[in-house]
Amino acid sequence: MSSTPRTDPANRPAVYSTDPTEPTGSTALPERRRYAHVLAAWPLRRRMALVVLAPVLLALMVMASGGWALATSPGWTAVVVLIALSCATTLATYLPHPGTGLKVDVGCTPCAAVAAVSVLGAFFVLSSAPHDVSTAVMALGISVFGLVQRLNNPSTCPA
């Protein structure tokens, strides 16, 4: 067991290694610490909302587009799954962080409206031409645009 502190270049505080098999001076971080910033940015309630909303949105999108087409159009089905994940992630970002009460995390109002409307826009475009892959790709672009708009820092909003 080494008693030499282990530091990494990201200015984290020194961590003493307790693993006897780890070489002295190693900068390897445990998996739980490597992704700590991701877990802090996405609290449990947002991750759970994503898990619940994605299948619900997928079912709604498939119903709005005329039913399942797994055998006849597997590409369309795959794109619709991606659209559902993108829209669910967008909607999950509106949930408040723990400790902030029940106030919805809206951010800048015009930017938040664009992100929310992108979910509806993806539904509309997807249902306009059922089982058409090119239309589904366009709906995916709309939903990803809304997600990127939502994930950008609200303080950079020009409004």
Protein backbone atom coordinates (compact mmCIF):
# COMPACT_ATOMS: atom_id res chain seq x y z
CA MET A 1 0.00 0.00 0.00
CA SER A 2 1.35 3.36 -0.99
CA SER A 3 1.18 6.40 1.24
CA THR A 4 2.11 8.80 -1.55
CA PRO A 5 -0.76 11.06 -2.57
CA ARG A 6 -2.06 10.67 -6.05
CA THR A 7 -3.04 13.82 -7.99
CA ASP A 8 -4.34 14.38 -11.45
CA PRO A 9 -3.76 17.31 -13.81
CA ALA A 10 -7.30 18.70 -13.39
CA ASN A 11 -6.39 20.32 -10.03
CA ARG A 12 -8.35 17.83 -8.00
CA PRO A 13 -7.28 17.39 -4.39
CA ALA A 14 -4.77 14.69 -3.61
CA VAL A 15 -6.24 11.22 -3.18
CA TYR A 16 -4.39 8.49 -1.33
CA SER A 17 -4.48 5.16 -3.09
CA THR A 18 -5.62 2.22 -0.99
CA ASP A 19 -5.31 -0.35 -3.74
CA PRO A 20 -2.15 -2.45 -3.20
CA THR A 21 -2.09 -3.51 -6.87
CA GLU A 22 -2.13 0.06 -8.17
CA PRO A 23 1.29 1.41 -9.14
CA THR A 24 2.66 4.36 -7.20
CA GLY A 25 1.89 7.69 -8.83
CA SER A 26 -0.99 6.36 -10.92
CA THR A 27 -3.48 8.95 -12.09
CA ALA A 28 -6.30 6.51 -12.87
CA LEU A 29 -9.63 7.55 -11.40
CA PRO A 30 -12.26 5.11 -10.22
CA GLU A 31 -15.29 4.84 -12.53
CA ARG A 32 -17.64 6.45 -10.00
CA ARG A 33 -15.46 9.56 -9.79
CA ARG A 34 -14.85 9.82 -13.53
CA TYR A 35 -18.53 10.34 -14.30
CA ALA A 36 -19.42 12.31 -11.17
CA HIS A 37 -20.04 15.52 -13.13
CA VAL A 38 -22.55 13.73 -15.38
CA LEU A 39 -24.44 12.35 -12.40
CA ALA A 40 -24.47 15.79 -10.77
CA ALA A 41 -25.82 17.45 -13.93
CA TRP A 42 -28.48 14.80 -14.39
CA PRO A 43 -30.03 14.02 -11.01
CA LEU A 44 -32.02 10.86 -10.44
CA ARG A 45 -35.38 12.48 -11.16
CA ARG A 46 -34.26 13.53 -14.65
CA ARG A 47 -32.83 10.11 -15.41
CA MET A 48 -36.04 8.44 -14.21
CA ALA A 49 -38.13 10.84 -16.30
CA LEU A 50 -36.05 9.90 -19.33
CA VAL A 51 -36.62 6.19 -18.66
CA VAL A 52 -40.38 6.72 -18.29
CA LEU A 53 -40.90 9.28 -21.06
CA ALA A 54 -38.93 7.59 -23.86
CA PRO A 55 -41.19 4.51 -24.20
CA VAL A 56 -44.33 6.61 -23.79
CA LEU A 57 -43.22 9.03 -26.51
CA LEU A 58 -42.18 6.13 -28.73
CA ALA A 59 -45.63 4.56 -28.43
CA LEU A 60 -47.35 7.90 -29.09
CA MET A 61 -45.18 8.58 -32.13
CA VAL A 62 -45.81 5.14 -33.57
CA MET A 63 -49.57 5.51 -33.03
CA ALA A 64 -49.55 8.97 -34.63
CA SER A 65 -47.65 7.59 -37.62
CA GLY A 66 -49.93 4.70 -38.44
CA GLY A 67 -48.57 1.82 -36.36
CA TRP A 68 -45.46 -0.32 -36.14
CA ALA A 69 -43.40 -0.91 -39.26
CA LEU A 70 -40.57 -3.00 -37.90
CA ALA A 71 -40.72 -5.60 -40.66
CA THR A 72 -41.41 -3.27 -43.58
CA SER A 73 -39.30 -0.27 -42.53
CA PRO A 74 -36.68 -1.04 -39.89
CA GLY A 75 -34.78 2.17 -40.68
CA TRP A 76 -37.88 4.24 -39.93
CA THR A 77 -38.36 2.40 -36.64
CA ALA A 78 -34.75 3.04 -35.61
CA VAL A 79 -35.04 6.74 -36.41
CA VAL A 80 -38.31 6.97 -34.46
CA VAL A 81 -36.57 5.41 -31.43
CA LEU A 82 -33.88 8.11 -31.68
CA ILE A 83 -36.55 10.81 -31.96
CA ALA A 84 -38.29 9.49 -28.86
CA LEU A 85 -35.02 9.49 -26.90
CA SER A 86 -34.19 13.01 -28.05
CA CYS A 87 -37.65 14.34 -27.19
CA ALA A 88 -37.67 12.57 -23.82
CA THR A 89 -34.28 14.07 -22.98
CA THR A 90 -35.54 17.51 -23.96
CA LEU A 91 -38.60 17.17 -21.75
CA ALA A 92 -36.55 15.77 -18.84
CA THR A 93 -34.44 18.93 -18.78
CA TYR A 94 -37.46 20.89 -17.59
CA LEU A 95 -37.57 19.04 -14.27
CA PRO A 96 -36.10 21.06 -11.40
CA HIS A 97 -32.85 20.18 -9.70
CA PRO A 98 -33.10 18.71 -6.20
CA GLY A 99 -33.36 21.36 -3.52
CA THR A 100 -34.92 24.00 -5.77
CA GLY A 101 -38.50 23.21 -4.88
CA LEU A 102 -41.24 22.55 -7.41
CA LYS A 103 -40.30 25.43 -9.70
CA VAL A 104 -39.88 24.13 -13.25
CA ASP A 105 -36.42 24.78 -14.69
CA VAL A 106 -37.51 26.87 -17.67
CA GLY A 107 -34.46 29.05 -18.24
CA CYS A 108 -34.79 31.77 -20.85
CA THR A 109 -38.41 31.86 -21.96
CA PRO A 110 -37.92 32.15 -25.77
CA CYS A 111 -35.24 29.46 -25.79
CA ALA A 112 -37.31 27.18 -23.58
CA ALA A 113 -40.32 27.66 -25.85
CA VAL A 114 -38.29 26.68 -28.92
CA ALA A 115 -37.14 23.47 -27.25
CA ALA A 116 -40.65 22.52 -26.15
CA VAL A 117 -42.15 23.35 -29.53
CA SER A 118 -39.50 21.19 -31.21
CA VAL A 119 -41.03 18.14 -29.51
CA LEU A 120 -44.42 19.02 -30.96
CA GLY A 121 -42.82 19.81 -34.32
CA ALA A 122 -41.17 16.39 -34.41
CA PHE A 123 -44.55 14.76 -33.73
CA PHE A 124 -46.19 16.79 -36.50
CA VAL A 125 -43.50 16.14 -39.12
CA LEU A 126 -43.32 12.43 -38.25
CA SER A 127 -47.08 11.98 -38.59
CA SER A 128 -47.24 13.93 -41.85
CA ALA A 129 -45.71 11.05 -43.86
CA PRO A 130 -46.03 7.72 -42.02
CA HIS A 131 -43.20 5.20 -42.46
CA ASP A 132 -41.13 7.55 -44.63
CA VAL A 133 -37.48 7.46 -43.57
CA SER A 134 -36.54 10.87 -45.00
CA THR A 135 -39.39 12.55 -43.13
CA ALA A 136 -38.38 10.73 -39.97
CA VAL A 137 -34.81 12.00 -40.39
CA MET A 138 -36.16 15.54 -40.73
CA ALA A 139 -38.17 15.04 -37.53
CA LEU A 140 -35.00 13.76 -35.85
CA GLY A 141 -33.22 16.95 -36.92
CA ILE A 142 -35.99 19.04 -35.39
CA SER A 143 -35.89 17.13 -32.12
CA VAL A 144 -32.08 17.27 -31.90
CA PHE A 145 -32.18 21.01 -32.63
CA GLY A 146 -34.56 21.47 -29.69
CA LEU A 147 -32.37 19.33 -27.44
CA VAL A 148 -29.23 21.28 -28.35
CA GLN A 149 -31.12 24.53 -27.81
CA ARG A 150 -32.22 23.31 -24.38
CA LEU A 151 -28.79 22.03 -23.34
CA ASN A 152 -27.03 25.28 -24.24
CA ASN A 153 -26.41 27.61 -21.35
CA PRO A 154 -29.57 29.72 -20.83
CA SER A 155 -27.42 32.70 -19.84
CA THR A 156 -26.24 32.94 -23.46
CA CYS A 157 -29.79 33.56 -24.68
CA PRO A 158 -29.98 36.90 -26.52
CA ALA A 159 -33.47 37.68 -25.19
